[in-house]
């Protein structure tokens, strides 16, 4: 049922336009939604607060407390800090610096 007629070609080769990225696609361009940057900052702050709290609880612990629980919370907070910086290592640029 295929025909060799080019007019029935569904691809329409003459209508294909190559993609060219615009200037708005670059990071930090005006008009970009800064929500992801703010979420990354908030995630980093939360990771540092978790590390701080685990250090405080380790300092206030007694010798006969559960050391496995203490060590696991400490290691989990360290991994949260490491993973948050592996995800987005560069600092956030303020929105007014792109003007």
C-alpha atoms as a PDB file:
ATOM      1  CA  UNK A   1       0.000   0.000   0.000  1.00  0.00           C
ATOM      2  CA  UNK A   2       2.983   2.325  -0.006  1.00  0.00           C
ATOM      3  CA  UNK A   3       3.166   4.734  -2.827  1.00  0.00           C
ATOM      4  CA  UNK A   4       6.277   6.271  -4.220  1.00  0.00           C
ATOM      5  CA  UNK A   5       4.609   9.676  -4.373  1.00  0.00           C
ATOM      6  CA  UNK A   6       6.453  12.266  -2.258  1.00  0.00           C
ATOM      7  CA  UNK A   7       3.311  14.340  -1.694  1.00  0.00           C
ATOM      8  CA  UNK A   8       1.942  11.696   0.674  1.00  0.00           C
ATOM      9  CA  UNK A   9       5.141  11.633   2.753  1.00  0.00           C
ATOM     10  CA  UNK A  10       4.064  12.334   6.371  1.00  0.00           C
ATOM     11  CA  UNK A  11       7.461  13.752   7.350  1.00  0.00           C
ATOM     12  CA  UNK A  12       7.327  16.822   5.083  1.00  0.00           C
ATOM     13  CA  UNK A  13      11.058  17.270   4.727  1.00  0.00           C
ATOM     14  CA  UNK A  14      10.677  20.851   3.510  1.00  0.00           C
ATOM     15  CA  UNK A  15       9.043  21.819   6.858  1.00  0.00           C
ATOM     16  CA  UNK A  16      11.852  20.513   9.114  1.00  0.00           C
ATOM     17  CA  UNK A  17      13.630  23.291  11.047  1.00  0.00           C
ATOM     18  CA  UNK A  18      16.836  22.623  12.978  1.00  0.00           C
ATOM     19  CA  UNK A  19      16.688  23.485  16.713  1.00  0.00           C
ATOM     20  CA  UNK A  20      18.745  26.496  17.804  1.00  0.00           C
ATOM     21  CA  UNK A  21      18.912  27.144  21.552  1.00  0.00           C
ATOM     22  CA  UNK A  22      17.855  30.625  22.559  1.00  0.00           C
ATOM     23  CA  UNK A  23      19.684  32.944  24.942  1.00  0.00           C
ATOM     24  CA  UNK A  24      17.010  32.313  27.594  1.00  0.00           C
ATOM     25  CA  UNK A  25      18.087  28.675  27.833  1.00  0.00           C
ATOM     26  CA  UNK A  26      21.376  29.609  29.504  1.00  0.00           C
ATOM     27  CA  UNK A  27      21.565  29.399  33.297  1.00  0.00           C
ATOM     28  CA  UNK A  28      21.117  32.706  35.066  1.00  0.00           C
ATOM     29  CA  UNK A  29      19.354  34.330  32.117  1.00  0.00           C
ATOM     30  CA  UNK A  30      16.590  36.817  32.901  1.00  0.00           C
ATOM     31  CA  UNK A  31      13.204  35.178  33.048  1.00  0.00           C
ATOM     32  CA  UNK A  32      14.517  31.916  34.467  1.00  0.00           C
ATOM     33  CA  UNK A  33      12.567  30.533  37.410  1.00  0.00           C
ATOM     34  CA  UNK A  34      14.817  30.736  40.504  1.00  0.00           C
ATOM     35  CA  UNK A  35      12.718  28.241  42.487  1.00  0.00           C
ATOM     36  CA  UNK A  36      15.167  25.385  41.957  1.00  0.00           C
ATOM     37  CA  UNK A  37      18.052  27.535  43.194  1.00  0.00           C
ATOM     38  CA  UNK A  38      16.157  28.456  46.333  1.00  0.00           C
ATOM     39  CA  UNK A  39      15.238  24.835  46.941  1.00  0.00           C
ATOM     40  CA  UNK A  40      18.903  23.827  46.629  1.00  0.00           C
ATOM     41  CA  UNK A  41      19.900  26.492  49.150  1.00  0.00           C
ATOM     42  CA  UNK A  42      17.185  25.344  51.523  1.00  0.00           C
ATOM     43  CA  UNK A  43      18.306  21.735  51.127  1.00  0.00           C
ATOM     44  CA  UNK A  44      21.907  22.696  51.927  1.00  0.00           C
ATOM     45  CA  UNK A  45      20.818  24.643  55.002  1.00  0.00           C
ATOM     46  CA  UNK A  46      18.750  21.709  56.233  1.00  0.00           C
ATOM     47  CA  UNK A  47      21.688  19.348  55.747  1.00  0.00           C
ATOM     48  CA  UNK A  48      23.995  21.627  57.763  1.00  0.00           C
ATOM     49  CA  UNK A  49      21.368  21.976  60.525  1.00  0.00           C
ATOM     50  CA  UNK A  50      21.058  18.181  60.665  1.00  0.00           C
ATOM     51  CA  UNK A  51      24.825  17.864  61.015  1.00  0.00           C
ATOM     52  CA  UNK A  52      24.850  20.511  63.742  1.00  0.00           C
ATOM     53  CA  UNK A  53      22.031  18.787  65.640  1.00  0.00           C
ATOM     54  CA  UNK A  54      23.710  15.395  65.425  1.00  0.00           C
ATOM     55  CA  UNK A  55      26.938  16.890  66.784  1.00  0.00           C
ATOM     56  CA  UNK A  56      25.004  18.459  69.676  1.00  0.00           C
ATOM     57  CA  UNK A  57      23.270  15.177  70.465  1.00  0.00           C
ATOM     58  CA  UNK A  58      26.611  13.355  70.309  1.00  0.00           C
ATOM     59  CA  UNK A  59      28.140  15.875  72.716  1.00  0.00           C
ATOM     60  CA  UNK A  60      25.231  15.500  75.139  1.00  0.00           C
ATOM     61  CA  UNK A  61      25.101  11.713  75.036  1.00  0.00           C
ATOM     62  CA  UNK A  62      26.137   9.442  77.847  1.00  0.00           C
ATOM     63  CA  UNK A  63      28.514   6.515  77.577  1.00  0.00           C
ATOM     64  CA  UNK A  64      25.765   3.927  77.990  1.00  0.00           C
ATOM     65  CA  UNK A  65      23.482   5.454  75.305  1.00  0.00           C
ATOM     66  CA  UNK A  66      22.857   3.648  72.052  1.00  0.00           C
ATOM     67  CA  UNK A  67      26.025   4.336  70.044  1.00  0.00           C
ATOM     68  CA  UNK A  68      24.680   2.717  66.873  1.00  0.00           C
ATOM     69  CA  UNK A  69      21.802   5.183  66.741  1.00  0.00           C
ATOM     70  CA  UNK A  70      24.146   8.096  67.381  1.00  0.00           C
ATOM     71  CA  UNK A  71      26.623   6.981  64.732  1.00  0.00           C
ATOM     72  CA  UNK A  72      23.928   6.357  62.143  1.00  0.00           C
ATOM     73  CA  UNK A  73      22.383   9.816  62.625  1.00  0.00           C
ATOM     74  CA  UNK A  74      25.829  11.416  62.407  1.00  0.00           C
ATOM     75  CA  UNK A  75      26.717   9.532  59.216  1.00  0.00           C
ATOM     76  CA  UNK A  76      23.314  10.274  57.689  1.00  0.00           C
ATOM     77  CA  UNK A  77      23.724  13.987  58.290  1.00  0.00           C
ATOM     78  CA  UNK A  78      27.242  13.938  56.805  1.00  0.00           C
ATOM     79  CA  UNK A  79      25.931  12.138  53.733  1.00  0.00           C
ATOM     80  CA  UNK A  80      23.137  14.726  53.395  1.00  0.00           C
ATOM     81  CA  UNK A  81      25.708  17.531  53.305  1.00  0.00           C
ATOM     82  CA  UNK A  82      27.902  15.674  50.803  1.00  0.00           C
ATOM     83  CA  UNK A  83      25.003  14.768  48.527  1.00  0.00           C
ATOM     84  CA  UNK A  84      23.579  18.286  48.537  1.00  0.00           C
ATOM     85  CA  UNK A  85      26.925  19.676  47.372  1.00  0.00           C
ATOM     86  CA  UNK A  86      27.400  16.930  44.794  1.00  0.00           C
ATOM     87  CA  UNK A  87      24.009  17.760  43.328  1.00  0.00           C
ATOM     88  CA  UNK A  88      24.680  21.485  42.932  1.00  0.00           C
ATOM     89  CA  UNK A  89      28.268  22.509  43.776  1.00  0.00           C
ATOM     90  CA  UNK A  90      28.200  26.079  42.457  1.00  0.00           C
ATOM     91  CA  UNK A  91      26.905  28.883  44.658  1.00  0.00           C
ATOM     92  CA  UNK A  92      23.599  30.509  43.867  1.00  0.00           C
ATOM     93  CA  UNK A  93      23.838  33.746  41.864  1.00  0.00           C
ATOM     94  CA  UNK A  94      21.518  36.502  43.076  1.00  0.00           C
ATOM     95  CA  UNK A  95      18.807  37.491  40.584  1.00  0.00           C
ATOM     96  CA  UNK A  96      19.899  41.147  40.561  1.00  0.00           C
ATOM     97  CA  UNK A  97      23.414  40.284  39.347  1.00  0.00           C
ATOM     98  CA  UNK A  98      22.112  39.246  35.900  1.00  0.00           C
ATOM     99  CA  UNK A  99      20.770  42.671  35.006  1.00  0.00           C
END
